[in-house]
Amino acid sequence: MKQMIDQYRRRFLGIAAGTAAVGLGAIDLARAETVAQRPSPSNASFGPIKQIDAGVLNVGYAEAGPSNGPVAILLHGWPYDIHAFVDVAPILAKTGYRVIIPYLRGYGTTHFLSSETPRNGEPAAMAADIIALMDKLDIKKAVVAGFDWGARTADIIAALWPDRCRALVSVSGYLISSQAAGGAPLPPSAELQWWYQFYFATDRGRAGYEKYTHDFAKLIWKLASPQWKFDDATFNRSAAALDNGDHVAITIHNYRWRLGLAQGEAKYEELEKKLAAAPQIAVPTITMEGDANGAPHPEPSAYAKKFSGRYEFRLITGGIGHNLPQEAPQAFAKAVIDVGEGA
């Protein structure tokens, strides 16, 4: 495995000369700046999407790499989909990783097994979905990596199920929160960034998102990644996943739950209580940020102490926005490889 990783570094990971590197050791707030080699818009696609019943869902997921390799589970955010990792997956697969990229609940070909199951978007439910998927695929441990909703889900898995998480890569760092924390007012400039959350709190917002789902998503993409010049084909490839019949309900519930305007399910109450205590994460971790992230995100110094194990922060420069794995796939893949080495 080490030999494959060394070959990977030589062949795929070009780090610009003059950039600083921080070793994965004790907490270090120094910024490891990597100049991303922004790829041309990729027309790549995954092979046939697999389906499996896991927990309350029939989960659609892409898979790459050898079936007996160490596992990396890559988790997308809102309003994106599995194609955020379409250029990351082959890099990891070439190093020997078995890569699993599931559609989250409310996206793509993932659907609920029962019409009676609440269309619940609370964070604990999404993390429990991934644990159920790991159980069904007989995956004991994995490097879990993601951005946006996917980063929050990965953080929760690392915090509450550390025995299942070999290591963590989290874009924008520690994103675990609670309804109590979500109810605390922010300075006006910060509240402005969350305009869509307040929009979704209204009936008009739900109706608007349902009517203009694709237009809304494209606006979010542009605001969150102002320097990413994605083309229509790239957007449309991912926007198709938003046509899932549960997508609007999951999205609206997620943002209303954060504000305390919607209830969760009783079976997740104990998990949410643990998360409300803002638990530390002890598994080896790399957090990342793009230097042009236009979405709300915390400063690295605000969350560094939440990671009590081996930890490193990396700032990816070159105009990289919120969708870091799709905008800088080599940098994201390198983080997965580096954090998993020796874990």
C-alpha atoms as a PDB file:
ATOM      1  CA  MET A   1       0.000   0.000   0.000  1.00  0.00           C
ATOM      2  CA  LYS A   2       2.832   2.412   0.867  1.00  0.00           C
ATOM      3  CA  GLN A   3       4.464   1.767  -2.512  1.00  0.00           C
ATOM      4  CA  MET A   4       1.212   2.613  -4.303  1.00  0.00           C
ATOM      5  CA  ILE A   5       0.874   5.802  -2.266  1.00  0.00           C
ATOM      6  CA  ASP A   6       4.425   6.838  -3.177  1.00  0.00           C
ATOM      7  CA  GLN A   7       3.672   6.239  -6.856  1.00  0.00           C
ATOM      8  CA  TYR A   8       0.494   8.265  -6.478  1.00  0.00           C
ATOM      9  CA  ARG A   9       2.376  11.236  -5.054  1.00  0.00           C
ATOM     10  CA  ARG A  10       4.856  11.205  -7.910  1.00  0.00           C
ATOM     11  CA  ARG A  11       2.295  10.795 -10.669  1.00  0.00           C
ATOM     12  CA  PHE A  12      -0.759  12.759  -9.574  1.00  0.00           C
ATOM     13  CA  LEU A  13       0.029  15.312  -6.882  1.00  0.00           C
ATOM     14  CA  GLY A  14       1.871  18.362  -8.152  1.00  0.00           C
ATOM     15  CA  ILE A  15       2.255  20.801  -5.262  1.00  0.00           C
ATOM     16  CA  ALA A  16       3.432  24.194  -6.386  1.00  0.00           C
ATOM     17  CA  ALA A  17       6.974  25.213  -5.481  1.00  0.00           C
ATOM     18  CA  GLY A  18       7.279  27.566  -2.541  1.00  0.00           C
ATOM     19  CA  THR A  19       4.122  26.423  -0.736  1.00  0.00           C
ATOM     20  CA  ALA A  20       4.208  25.589   2.953  1.00  0.00           C
ATOM     21  CA  ALA A  21       3.445  22.132   4.309  1.00  0.00           C
ATOM     22  CA  VAL A  22       2.318  21.214   7.809  1.00  0.00           C
ATOM     23  CA  GLY A  23       2.925  17.700   9.069  1.00  0.00           C
ATOM     24  CA  LEU A  24      -0.011  15.705  10.390  1.00  0.00           C
ATOM     25  CA  GLY A  25       0.919  15.877  14.036  1.00  0.00           C
ATOM     26  CA  ALA A  26      -0.237  17.832  17.057  1.00  0.00           C
ATOM     27  CA  ILE A  27      -2.697  20.661  16.463  1.00  0.00           C
ATOM     28  CA  ASP A  28      -1.064  23.289  14.294  1.00  0.00           C
ATOM     29  CA  LEU A  29      -2.815  26.452  13.150  1.00  0.00           C
ATOM     30  CA  ALA A  30      -0.265  27.191  10.451  1.00  0.00           C
ATOM     31  CA  ARG A  31      -1.913  27.267   7.053  1.00  0.00           C
ATOM     32  CA  ALA A  32      -0.596  24.703   4.604  1.00  0.00           C
ATOM     33  CA  GLU A  33      -1.209  26.592   1.396  1.00  0.00           C
ATOM     34  CA  THR A  34      -1.536  24.480  -1.715  1.00  0.00           C
ATOM     35  CA  VAL A  35      -2.039  26.074  -5.098  1.00  0.00           C
ATOM     36  CA  ALA A  36      -4.736  24.003  -6.751  1.00  0.00           C
ATOM     37  CA  GLN A  37      -4.269  22.901 -10.316  1.00  0.00           C
ATOM     38  CA  ARG A  38      -7.814  23.683 -11.365  1.00  0.00           C
ATOM     39  CA  PRO A  39      -8.895  21.055 -13.898  1.00  0.00           C
ATOM     40  CA  SER A  40     -10.783  21.803 -17.069  1.00  0.00           C
ATOM     41  CA  PRO A  41     -14.510  21.068 -16.772  1.00  0.00           C
ATOM     42  CA  SER A  42     -14.739  17.301 -16.589  1.00  0.00           C
ATOM     43  CA  ASN A  43     -17.218  15.286 -18.600  1.00  0.00           C
ATOM     44  CA  ALA A  44     -16.318  12.163 -16.658  1.00  0.00           C
ATOM     45  CA  SER A  45     -19.018   9.943 -15.284  1.00  0.00           C
ATOM     46  CA  PHE A  46     -19.294   7.016 -12.929  1.00  0.00           C
ATOM     47  CA  GLY A  47     -20.061   3.484 -13.966  1.00  0.00           C
ATOM     48  CA  PRO A  48     -23.482   1.998 -13.283  1.00  0.00           C
ATOM     49  CA  ILE A  49     -24.928   3.233  -9.983  1.00  0.00           C
ATOM     50  CA  LYS A  50     -25.389   0.437  -7.462  1.00  0.00           C
ATOM     51  CA  GLN A  51     -28.416   0.119  -5.168  1.00  0.00           C
ATOM     52  CA  ILE A  52     -28.703  -1.496  -1.758  1.00  0.00           C
ATOM     53  CA  ASP A  53     -31.253  -1.516   1.059  1.00  0.00           C
ATOM     54  CA  ALA A  54     -29.654  -0.039   4.183  1.00  0.00           C
ATOM     55  CA  GLY A  55     -31.582   1.187   7.204  1.00  0.00           C
ATOM     56  CA  VAL A  56     -34.649   3.154   6.106  1.00  0.00           C
ATOM     57  CA  LEU A  57     -33.280   3.739   2.599  1.00  0.00           C
ATOM     58  CA  ASN A  58     -32.529   2.082  -0.658  1.00  0.00           C
ATOM     59  CA  VAL A  59     -29.190   3.793  -1.244  1.00  0.00           C
ATOM     60  CA  GLY A  60     -27.769   4.608  -4.659  1.00  0.00           C
ATOM     61  CA  TYR A  61     -23.995   4.790  -4.703  1.00  0.00           C
ATOM     62  CA  ALA A  62     -21.017   4.835  -7.048  1.00  0.00           C
ATOM     63  CA  GLU A  63     -18.065   2.573  -6.375  1.00  0.00           C
ATOM     64  CA  ALA A  64     -14.504   2.568  -7.688  1.00  0.00           C
ATOM     65  CA  GLY A  65     -11.298   0.742  -6.931  1.00  0.00           C
ATOM     66  CA  PRO A  66     -10.518  -2.781  -5.698  1.00  0.00           C
ATOM     67  CA  SER A  67     -13.108  -4.477  -3.511  1.00  0.00           C
ATOM     68  CA  ASN A  68     -10.452  -5.510  -0.987  1.00  0.00           C
ATOM     69  CA  GLY A  69      -8.788  -2.104  -0.605  1.00  0.00           C
ATOM     70  CA  PRO A  70      -9.003   0.266   2.352  1.00  0.00           C
ATOM     71  CA  VAL A  71     -12.281   2.136   2.152  1.00  0.00           C
ATOM     72  CA  ALA A  72     -12.880   5.830   1.565  1.00  0.00           C
ATOM     73  CA  ILE A  73     -16.462   7.079   1.836  1.00  0.00           C
ATOM     74  CA  LEU A  74     -16.991  10.433   0.115  1.00  0.00           C
ATOM     75  CA  LEU A  75     -20.032  12.526   1.084  1.00  0.00           C
ATOM     76  CA  HIS A  76     -21.496  15.352  -0.984  1.00  0.00           C
ATOM     77  CA  GLY A  77     -23.332  18.458   0.146  1.00  0.00           C
ATOM     78  CA  TRP A  78     -26.321  20.625  -0.794  1.00  0.00           C
ATOM     79  CA  PRO A  79     -27.174  21.375  -3.551  1.00  0.00           C
ATOM     80  CA  TYR A  80     -24.553  19.126  -5.140  1.00  0.00           C
ATOM     81  CA  ASP A  81     -24.285  15.393  -5.730  1.00  0.00           C
ATOM     82  CA  ILE A  82     -21.872  12.492  -6.125  1.00  0.00           C
ATOM     83  CA  HIS A  83     -20.262  14.088  -9.196  1.00  0.00           C
ATOM     84  CA  ALA A  84     -18.435  16.453  -6.870  1.00  0.00           C
ATOM     85  CA  PHE A  85     -16.062  13.481  -6.521  1.00  0.00           C
ATOM     86  CA  VAL A  86     -16.014  12.275 -10.128  1.00  0.00           C
ATOM     87  CA  ASP A  87     -12.362  13.318 -10.531  1.00  0.00           C
ATOM     88  CA  VAL A  88     -11.344  12.374  -6.973  1.00  0.00           C
ATOM     89  CA  ALA A  89     -12.529   8.762  -7.171  1.00  0.00           C
ATOM     90  CA  PRO A  90     -10.184   7.568  -9.953  1.00  0.00           C
ATOM     91  CA  ILE A  91      -7.166   9.091  -8.204  1.00  0.00           C
ATOM     92  CA  LEU A  92      -7.982   7.238  -4.994  1.00  0.00           C
ATOM     93  CA  ALA A  93      -8.832   4.036  -6.868  1.00  0.00           C
ATOM     94  CA  LYS A  94      -5.408   4.072  -8.548  1.00  0.00           C
ATOM     95  CA  THR A  95      -3.767   4.065  -5.118  1.00  0.00           C
ATOM     96  CA  GLY A  96      -5.733   0.991  -4.081  1.00  0.00           C
ATOM     97  CA  TYR A  97      -8.664   2.558  -2.270  1.00  0.00           C
ATOM     98  CA  ARG A  98     -12.141   1.135  -2.478  1.00  0.00           C
ATOM     99  CA  VAL A  99     -14.172   4.314  -2.952  1.00  0.00           C
ATOM    100  CA  ILE A 100     -17.859   4.504  -1.989  1.00  0.00           C
ATOM    101  CA  ILE A 101     -19.814   7.622  -2.954  1.00  0.00           C
ATOM    102  CA  PRO A 102     -23.464   7.492  -1.847  1.00  0.00           C
ATOM    103  CA  TYR A 103     -26.306   9.792  -2.760  1.00  0.00           C
ATOM    104  CA  LEU A 104     -27.542  11.266   0.522  1.00  0.00           C
ATOM    105  CA  ARG A 105     -31.217  10.920   1.402  1.00  0.00           C
ATOM    106  CA  GLY A 106     -33.233  13.118  -0.949  1.00  0.00           C
ATOM    107  CA  TYR A 107     -30.744  12.907  -3.825  1.00  0.00           C
ATOM    108  CA  GLY A 108     -30.348  10.892  -6.985  1.00  0.00           C
ATOM    109  CA  THR A 109     -31.426   7.257  -6.849  1.00  0.00           C
ATOM    110  CA  THR A 110     -31.537   7.049  -3.041  1.00  0.00           C
ATOM    111  CA  HIS A 111     -35.115   6.670  -1.844  1.00  0.00           C
ATOM    112  CA  PHE A 112     -37.045   5.704   1.270  1.00  0.00           C
ATOM    113  CA  LEU A 113     -38.216   2.119   1.610  1.00  0.00           C
ATOM    114  CA  SER A 114     -41.495   3.228   3.165  1.00  0.00           C
ATOM    115  CA  SER A 115     -43.825   6.095   2.366  1.00  0.00           C
ATOM    116  CA  GLU A 116     -44.490   6.294   6.114  1.00  0.00           C
ATOM    117  CA  THR A 117     -40.916   7.251   7.058  1.00  0.00           C
ATOM    118  CA  PRO A 118     -40.624  10.964   7.905  1.00  0.00           C
ATOM    119  CA  ARG A 119     -38.700  12.948   5.308  1.00  0.00           C
ATOM    120  CA  ASN A 120     -36.267  14.009   7.964  1.00  0.00           C
ATOM    121  CA  GLY A 121     -33.208  16.104   7.139  1.00  0.00           C
ATOM    122  CA  GLU A 122     -31.726  16.393  10.634  1.00  0.00           C
ATOM    123  CA  PRO A 123     -27.971  15.804  10.816  1.00  0.00           C
ATOM    124  CA  ALA A 124     -28.058  12.740  13.074  1.00  0.00           C
ATOM    125  CA  ALA A 125     -30.351  10.938  10.651  1.00  0.00           C
ATOM    126  CA  MET A 126     -27.950  11.463   7.760  1.00  0.00           C
ATOM    127  CA  ALA A 127     -25.020  10.148   9.776  1.00  0.00           C
ATOM    128  CA  ALA A 128     -27.051   7.117  10.838  1.00  0.00           C
ATOM    129  CA  ASP A 129     -27.776   6.469   7.144  1.00  0.00           C
ATOM    130  CA  ILE A 130     -24.058   6.145   6.424  1.00  0.00           C
ATOM    131  CA  ILE A 131     -23.482   3.824   9.372  1.00  0.00           C
ATOM    132  CA  ALA A 132     -26.359   1.650   8.109  1.00  0.00           C
ATOM    133  CA  LEU A 133     -24.759   1.631   4.654  1.00  0.00           C
ATOM    134  CA  MET A 134     -21.407   0.598   6.113  1.00  0.00           C
ATOM    135  CA  ASP A 135     -23.108  -2.214   8.020  1.00  0.00           C
ATOM    136  CA  LYS A 136     -24.855  -3.455   4.901  1.00  0.00           C
ATOM    137  CA  LEU A 137     -21.652  -3.352   2.840  1.00  0.00           C
ATOM    138  CA  ASP A 138     -19.726  -5.026   5.689  1.00  0.00           C
ATOM    139  CA  ILE A 139     -17.347  -2.070   5.997  1.00  0.00           C
ATOM    140  CA  LYS A 140     -15.822  -2.045   9.457  1.00  0.00           C
ATOM    141  CA  LYS A 141     -13.842   1.199   9.168  1.00  0.00           C
ATOM    142  CA  ALA A 142     -13.332   3.865   6.534  1.00  0.00           C
ATOM    143  CA  VAL A 143     -11.705   7.188   5.878  1.00  0.00           C
ATOM    144  CA  VAL A 144     -14.752   9.457   5.780  1.00  0.00           C
ATOM    145  CA  ALA A 145     -14.475  12.679   3.793  1.00  0.00           C
ATOM    146  CA  GLY A 146     -16.892  15.348   2.648  1.00  0.00           C
ATOM    147  CA  PHE A 147     -17.932  18.957   2.208  1.00  0.00           C
ATOM    148  CA  ASP A 148     -20.996  20.979   3.197  1.00  0.00           C
ATOM    149  CA  TRP A 149     -23.699  18.579   4.469  1.00  0.00           C
ATOM    150  CA  GLY A 150     -21.260  15.774   3.723  1.00  0.00           C
ATOM    151  CA  ALA A 151     -18.583  17.305   5.953  1.00  0.00           C
ATOM    152  CA  ARG A 152     -21.080  17.688   8.792  1.00  0.00           C
ATOM    153  CA  THR A 153     -22.119  14.064   8.349  1.00  0.00           C
ATOM    154  CA  ALA A 154     -18.491  12.941   8.320  1.00  0.00           C
ATOM    155  CA  ASP A 155     -17.789  14.993  11.467  1.00  0.00           C
ATOM    156  CA  ILE A 156     -20.698  13.345  13.257  1.00  0.00           C
ATOM    157  CA  ILE A 157     -19.537   9.858  12.304  1.00  0.00           C
ATOM    158  CA  ALA A 158     -16.035  10.642  13.569  1.00  0.00           C
ATOM    159  CA  ALA A 159     -17.406  12.052  16.831  1.00  0.00           C
ATOM    160  CA  LEU A 160     -20.080   9.480  17.647  1.00  0.00           C
ATOM    161  CA  TRP A 161     -18.745   6.351  15.926  1.00  0.00           C
ATOM    162  CA  PRO A 162     -14.948   6.744  16.142  1.00  0.00           C
ATOM    163  CA  ASP A 163     -14.523   2.973  15.953  1.00  0.00           C
ATOM    164  CA  ARG A 164     -15.975   3.101  12.421  1.00  0.00           C
ATOM    165  CA  CYS A 165     -13.918   6.082  11.258  1.00  0.00           C
ATOM    166  CA  ARG A 166     -10.315   5.377  10.342  1.00  0.00           C
ATOM    167  CA  ALA A 167      -9.662   9.049   9.618  1.00  0.00           C
ATOM    168  CA  LEU A 168     -11.505  12.226   8.625  1.00  0.00           C
ATOM    169  CA  VAL A 169     -11.260  14.873   5.902  1.00  0.00           C
ATOM    170  CA  SER A 170     -13.649  17.754   6.498  1.00  0.00           C
ATOM    171  CA  VAL A 171     -13.976  20.816   4.285  1.00  0.00           C
ATOM    172  CA  SER A 172     -14.678  23.873   6.464  1.00  0.00           C
ATOM    173  CA  GLY A 173     -13.725  21.960   9.583  1.00  0.00           C
ATOM    174  CA  TYR A 174     -15.940  21.240  12.573  1.00  0.00           C
ATOM    175  CA  LEU A 175     -19.567  21.646  11.510  1.00  0.00           C
ATOM    176  CA  ILE A 176     -21.363  19.832  14.337  1.00  0.00           C
ATOM    177  CA  SER A 177     -24.084  22.026  15.804  1.00  0.00           C
ATOM    178  CA  SER A 178     -27.461  21.855  17.516  1.00  0.00           C
ATOM    179  CA  GLN A 179     -30.847  23.534  17.537  1.00  0.00           C
ATOM    180  CA  ALA A 180     -29.803  25.550  20.590  1.00  0.00           C
ATOM    181  CA  ALA A 181     -26.707  26.810  18.813  1.00  0.00           C
ATOM    182  CA  GLY A 182     -28.757  27.496  15.693  1.00  0.00           C
ATOM    183  CA  GLY A 183     -31.081  29.719  17.698  1.00  0.00           C
ATOM    184  CA  ALA A 184     -28.327  32.109  18.752  1.00  0.00           C
ATOM    185  CA  PRO A 185     -28.331  35.356  16.745  1.00  0.00           C
ATOM    186  CA  LEU A 186     -25.304  36.261  14.653  1.00  0.00           C
ATOM    187  CA  PRO A 187     -23.985  39.675  13.608  1.00  0.00           C
ATOM    188  CA  PRO A 188     -26.031  41.122  10.721  1.00  0.00           C
ATOM    189  CA  SER A 189     -23.350  40.495   8.098  1.00  0.00           C
ATOM    190  CA  ALA A 190     -23.218  36.817   9.083  1.00  0.00           C
ATOM    191  CA  GLU A 191     -27.014  36.518   9.115  1.00  0.00           C
ATOM    192  CA  LEU A 192     -27.071  37.895   5.567  1.00  0.00           C
ATOM    193  CA  GLN A 193     -25.035  34.923   4.366  1.00  0.00           C
ATOM    194  CA  TRP A 194     -27.762  32.602   5.604  1.00  0.00           C
ATOM    195  CA  TRP A 195     -30.541  34.326   3.620  1.00  0.00           C
ATOM    196  CA  TYR A 196     -31.725  31.059   2.063  1.00  0.00           C
ATOM    197  CA  GLN A 197     -32.207  29.449   5.485  1.00  0.00           C
ATOM    198  CA  PHE A 198     -34.673  32.184   6.436  1.00  0.00           C
ATOM    199  CA  TYR A 199     -36.318  31.943   3.016  1.00  0.00           C
ATOM    200  CA  PHE A 200     -36.849  28.215   3.540  1.00  0.00           C
ATOM    201  CA  ALA A 201     -38.504  28.942   6.887  1.00  0.00           C
ATOM    202  CA  THR A 202     -41.498  30.362   4.999  1.00  0.00           C
ATOM    203  CA  ASP A 203     -44.211  28.684   2.934  1.00  0.00           C
ATOM    204  CA  ARG A 204     -43.213  30.952   0.076  1.00  0.00           C
ATOM    205  CA  GLY A 205     -39.644  29.684   0.360  1.00  0.00           C
ATOM    206  CA  ARG A 206     -40.702  26.060   0.152  1.00  0.00           C
ATOM    207  CA  ALA A 207     -42.911  26.767  -2.833  1.00  0.00           C
ATOM    208  CA  GLY A 208     -40.142  28.773  -4.468  1.00  0.00           C
ATOM    209  CA  TYR A 209     -37.553  26.057  -4.020  1.00  0.00           C
ATOM    210  CA  GLU A 210     -39.941  23.436  -5.344  1.00  0.00           C
ATOM    211  CA  LYS A 211     -40.743  25.545  -8.423  1.00  0.00           C
ATOM    212  CA  TYR A 212     -37.210  26.748  -9.163  1.00  0.00           C
ATOM    213  CA  THR A 213     -35.038  23.952  -7.786  1.00  0.00           C
ATOM    214  CA  HIS A 214     -32.462  23.988 -10.570  1.00  0.00           C
ATOM    215  CA  ASP A 215     -32.321  27.781 -10.823  1.00  0.00           C
ATOM    216  CA  PHE A 216     -31.920  28.019  -7.059  1.00  0.00           C
ATOM    217  CA  ALA A 217     -29.138  25.443  -7.024  1.00  0.00           C
ATOM    218  CA  LYS A 218     -27.253  27.184  -9.813  1.00  0.00           C
ATOM    219  CA  LEU A 219     -27.422  30.462  -7.896  1.00  0.00           C
ATOM    220  CA  ILE A 220     -26.018  28.784  -4.792  1.00  0.00           C
ATOM    221  CA  TRP A 221     -23.205  27.245  -6.849  1.00  0.00           C
ATOM    222  CA  LYS A 222     -22.267  30.688  -8.196  1.00  0.00           C
ATOM    223  CA  LEU A 223     -22.440  32.433  -4.822  1.00  0.00           C
ATOM    224  CA  ALA A 224     -20.554  29.671  -3.005  1.00  0.00           C
ATOM    225  CA  SER A 225     -17.810  29.376  -5.641  1.00  0.00           C
ATOM    226  CA  PRO A 226     -17.576  32.814  -7.267  1.00  0.00           C
ATOM    227  CA  GLN A 227     -14.385  32.010  -9.213  1.00  0.00           C
ATOM    228  CA  TRP A 228     -15.420  28.546 -10.447  1.00  0.00           C
ATOM    229  CA  LYS A 229     -16.388  28.795 -14.116  1.00  0.00           C
ATOM    230  CA  PHE A 230     -18.424  25.609 -14.389  1.00  0.00           C
ATOM    231  CA  ASP A 231     -20.337  25.029 -17.614  1.00  0.00           C
ATOM    232  CA  ASP A 232     -23.968  24.047 -18.113  1.00  0.00           C
ATOM    233  CA  ALA A 233     -23.096  20.405 -18.742  1.00  0.00           C
ATOM    234  CA  THR A 234     -21.258  20.175 -15.418  1.00  0.00           C
ATOM    235  CA  PHE A 235     -24.152  21.754 -13.545  1.00  0.00           C
ATOM    236  CA  ASN A 236     -26.880  19.768 -15.306  1.00  0.00           C
ATOM    237  CA  ARG A 237     -25.101  16.475 -14.611  1.00  0.00           C
ATOM    238  CA  SER A 238     -25.426  17.145 -10.868  1.00  0.00           C
ATOM    239  CA  ALA A 239     -28.752  18.994 -10.942  1.00  0.00           C
ATOM    240  CA  ALA A 240     -30.451  15.815 -12.160  1.00  0.00           C
ATOM    241  CA  ALA A 241     -29.929  14.401  -8.648  1.00  0.00           C
ATOM    242  CA  LEU A 242     -32.146  17.169  -7.243  1.00  0.00           C
ATOM    243  CA  ASP A 243     -35.142  15.773  -9.125  1.00  0.00           C
ATOM    244  CA  ASN A 244     -35.511  13.128  -6.415  1.00  0.00           C
ATOM    245  CA  GLY A 245     -39.091  13.236  -5.140  1.00  0.00           C
ATOM    246  CA  ASP A 246     -37.952  13.720  -1.532  1.00  0.00           C
ATOM    247  CA  HIS A 247     -35.330  16.384  -2.208  1.00  0.00           C
ATOM    248  CA  VAL A 248     -37.410  19.459  -1.437  1.00  0.00           C
ATOM    249  CA  ALA A 249     -38.876  17.978   1.742  1.00  0.00           C
ATOM    250  CA  ILE A 250     -35.438  16.912   3.029  1.00  0.00           C
ATOM    251  CA  THR A 251     -33.898  20.305   2.238  1.00  0.00           C
ATOM    252  CA  ILE A 252     -36.672  22.311   3.866  1.00  0.00           C
ATOM    253  CA  HIS A 253     -36.734  20.103   6.945  1.00  0.00           C
ATOM    254  CA  ASN A 254     -32.971  20.341   7.357  1.00  0.00           C
ATOM    255  CA  TYR A 255     -32.905  24.126   7.437  1.00  0.00           C
ATOM    256  CA  ARG A 256     -36.082  24.473   9.507  1.00  0.00           C
ATOM    257  CA  TRP A 257     -34.753  21.917  12.003  1.00  0.00           C
ATOM    258  CA  ARG A 258     -31.607  24.014  12.468  1.00  0.00           C
ATOM    259  CA  LEU A 259     -33.738  26.987  13.497  1.00  0.00           C
ATOM    260  CA  GLY A 260     -35.915  24.909  15.795  1.00  0.00           C
ATOM    261  CA  LEU A 261     -38.908  25.298  13.485  1.00  0.00           C
ATOM    262  CA  ALA A 262     -39.247  21.568  12.774  1.00  0.00           C
ATOM    263  CA  GLN A 263     -39.007  18.537  15.019  1.00  0.00           C
ATOM    264  CA  GLY A 264     -36.720  15.595  14.508  1.00  0.00           C
ATOM    265  CA  GLU A 265     -37.505  11.947  15.146  1.00  0.00           C
ATOM    266  CA  ALA A 266     -37.479  10.504  18.652  1.00  0.00           C
ATOM    267  CA  LYS A 267     -35.083   7.735  17.667  1.00  0.00           C
ATOM    268  CA  TYR A 268     -32.354  10.302  17.020  1.00  0.00           C
ATOM    269  CA  GLU A 269     -32.846  12.282  20.238  1.00  0.00           C
ATOM    270  CA  GLU A 270     -29.984  10.639  22.130  1.00  0.00           C
ATOM    271  CA  LEU A 271     -27.623  11.226  19.223  1.00  0.00           C
ATOM    272  CA  GLU A 272     -28.644  14.873  18.979  1.00  0.00           C
ATOM    273  CA  LYS A 273     -28.105  15.325  22.738  1.00  0.00           C
ATOM    274  CA  LYS A 274     -24.541  14.069  22.336  1.00  0.00           C
ATOM    275  CA  LEU A 275     -23.987  16.375  19.383  1.00  0.00           C
ATOM    276  CA  ALA A 276     -25.385  19.358  21.292  1.00  0.00           C
ATOM    277  CA  ALA A 277     -22.450  18.959  23.692  1.00  0.00           C
ATOM    278  CA  ALA A 278     -20.074  19.641  20.766  1.00  0.00           C
ATOM    279  CA  PRO A 279     -18.005  16.488  21.281  1.00  0.00           C
ATOM    280  CA  GLN A 280     -14.337  16.475  20.392  1.00  0.00           C
ATOM    281  CA  ILE A 281     -13.061  14.416  17.484  1.00  0.00           C
ATOM    282  CA  ALA A 282     -10.079  12.197  18.248  1.00  0.00           C
ATOM    283  CA  VAL A 283      -9.534  10.385  14.930  1.00  0.00           C
ATOM    284  CA  PRO A 284      -6.725  11.609  12.613  1.00  0.00           C
ATOM    285  CA  THR A 285      -8.118  14.620  10.755  1.00  0.00           C
ATOM    286  CA  ILE A 286      -7.308  17.027   7.965  1.00  0.00           C
ATOM    287  CA  THR A 287      -9.596  20.024   7.597  1.00  0.00           C
ATOM    288  CA  MET A 288      -9.547  22.074   4.408  1.00  0.00           C
ATOM    289  CA  GLU A 289     -10.756  25.380   3.059  1.00  0.00           C
ATOM    290  CA  GLY A 290     -10.780  27.023  -0.342  1.00  0.00           C
ATOM    291  CA  ASP A 291      -9.453  30.557  -0.442  1.00  0.00           C
ATOM    292  CA  ALA A 292     -12.526  31.753  -2.375  1.00  0.00           C
ATOM    293  CA  ASN A 293     -15.298  29.996  -0.441  1.00  0.00           C
ATOM    294  CA  GLY A 294     -18.344  32.243  -0.741  1.00  0.00           C
ATOM    295  CA  ALA A 295     -20.550  30.131   1.549  1.00  0.00           C
ATOM    296  CA  PRO A 296     -20.833  30.686   5.308  1.00  0.00           C
ATOM    297  CA  HIS A 297     -17.931  28.931   7.021  1.00  0.00           C
ATOM    298  CA  PRO A 298     -16.035  29.236  10.312  1.00  0.00           C
ATOM    299  CA  GLU A 299     -12.452  30.397  10.671  1.00  0.00           C
ATOM    300  CA  PRO A 300     -10.008  27.501  11.246  1.00  0.00           C
ATOM    301  CA  SER A 301      -8.870  29.002  14.535  1.00  0.00           C
ATOM    302  CA  ALA A 302     -12.439  28.770  15.831  1.00  0.00           C
ATOM    303  CA  TYR A 303     -12.573  24.988  15.643  1.00  0.00           C
ATOM    304  CA  ALA A 304      -8.989  23.685  15.756  1.00  0.00           C
ATOM    305  CA  LYS A 305      -9.224  22.666  19.418  1.00  0.00           C
ATOM    306  CA  LYS A 306     -12.218  20.446  18.644  1.00  0.00           C
ATOM    307  CA  PHE A 307      -9.767  17.952  17.117  1.00  0.00           C
ATOM    308  CA  SER A 308      -7.845  16.214  19.890  1.00  0.00           C
ATOM    309  CA  GLY A 309      -5.958  13.686  17.766  1.00  0.00           C
ATOM    310  CA  ARG A 310      -3.497  14.098  14.899  1.00  0.00           C
ATOM    311  CA  TYR A 311      -4.637  17.188  13.068  1.00  0.00           C
ATOM    312  CA  GLU A 312      -3.753  19.474  10.187  1.00  0.00           C
ATOM    313  CA  PHE A 313      -5.425  22.369   8.394  1.00  0.00           C
ATOM    314  CA  ARG A 314      -4.887  23.048   4.693  1.00  0.00           C
ATOM    315  CA  LEU A 315      -5.827  26.187   2.817  1.00  0.00           C
ATOM    316  CA  ILE A 316      -6.200  25.527  -0.898  1.00  0.00           C
ATOM    317  CA  THR A 317      -5.433  28.653  -2.881  1.00  0.00           C
ATOM    318  CA  GLY A 318      -6.047  29.523  -6.506  1.00  0.00           C
ATOM    319  CA  GLY A 319      -9.634  30.755  -6.319  1.00  0.00           C
ATOM    320  CA  ILE A 320     -11.117  27.547  -4.889  1.00  0.00           C
ATOM    321  CA  GLY A 321     -14.671  27.835  -3.606  1.00  0.00           C
ATOM    322  CA  HIS A 322     -17.126  25.813  -1.561  1.00  0.00           C
ATOM    323  CA  ASN A 323     -17.193  22.675  -3.701  1.00  0.00           C
ATOM    324  CA  LEU A 324     -13.546  21.949  -2.984  1.00  0.00           C
ATOM    325  CA  PRO A 325     -13.355  18.317  -4.175  1.00  0.00           C
ATOM    326  CA  GLN A 326     -14.727  19.163  -7.616  1.00  0.00           C
ATOM    327  CA  GLU A 327     -12.770  22.399  -7.942  1.00  0.00           C
ATOM    328  CA  ALA A 328      -9.484  20.981  -6.588  1.00  0.00           C
ATOM    329  CA  PRO A 329      -9.730  17.180  -6.882  1.00  0.00           C
ATOM    330  CA  GLN A 330      -6.000  16.498  -6.587  1.00  0.00           C
ATOM    331  CA  ALA A 331      -5.738  18.475  -3.345  1.00  0.00           C
ATOM    332  CA  PHE A 332      -8.783  16.708  -1.897  1.00  0.00           C
ATOM    333  CA  ALA A 333      -7.540  13.263  -2.926  1.00  0.00           C
ATOM    334  CA  LYS A 334      -4.130  14.020  -1.438  1.00  0.00           C
ATOM    335  CA  ALA A 335      -5.759  14.871   1.888  1.00  0.00           C
ATOM    336  CA  VAL A 336      -7.585  11.511   1.916  1.00  0.00           C
ATOM    337  CA  ILE A 337      -4.361   9.660   1.141  1.00  0.00           C
ATOM    338  CA  ASP A 338      -2.283  11.603   3.656  1.00  0.00           C
ATOM    339  CA  VAL A 339      -4.715  11.352   6.565  1.00  0.00           C
ATOM    340  CA  GLY A 340      -5.256   7.655   5.961  1.00  0.00           C
ATOM    341  CA  GLU A 341      -1.567   6.819   5.900  1.00  0.00           C
ATOM    342  CA  GLY A 342      -0.696   5.162   9.185  1.00  0.00           C
ATOM    343  CA  ALA A 343      -4.208   5.599  10.599  1.00  0.00           C
END
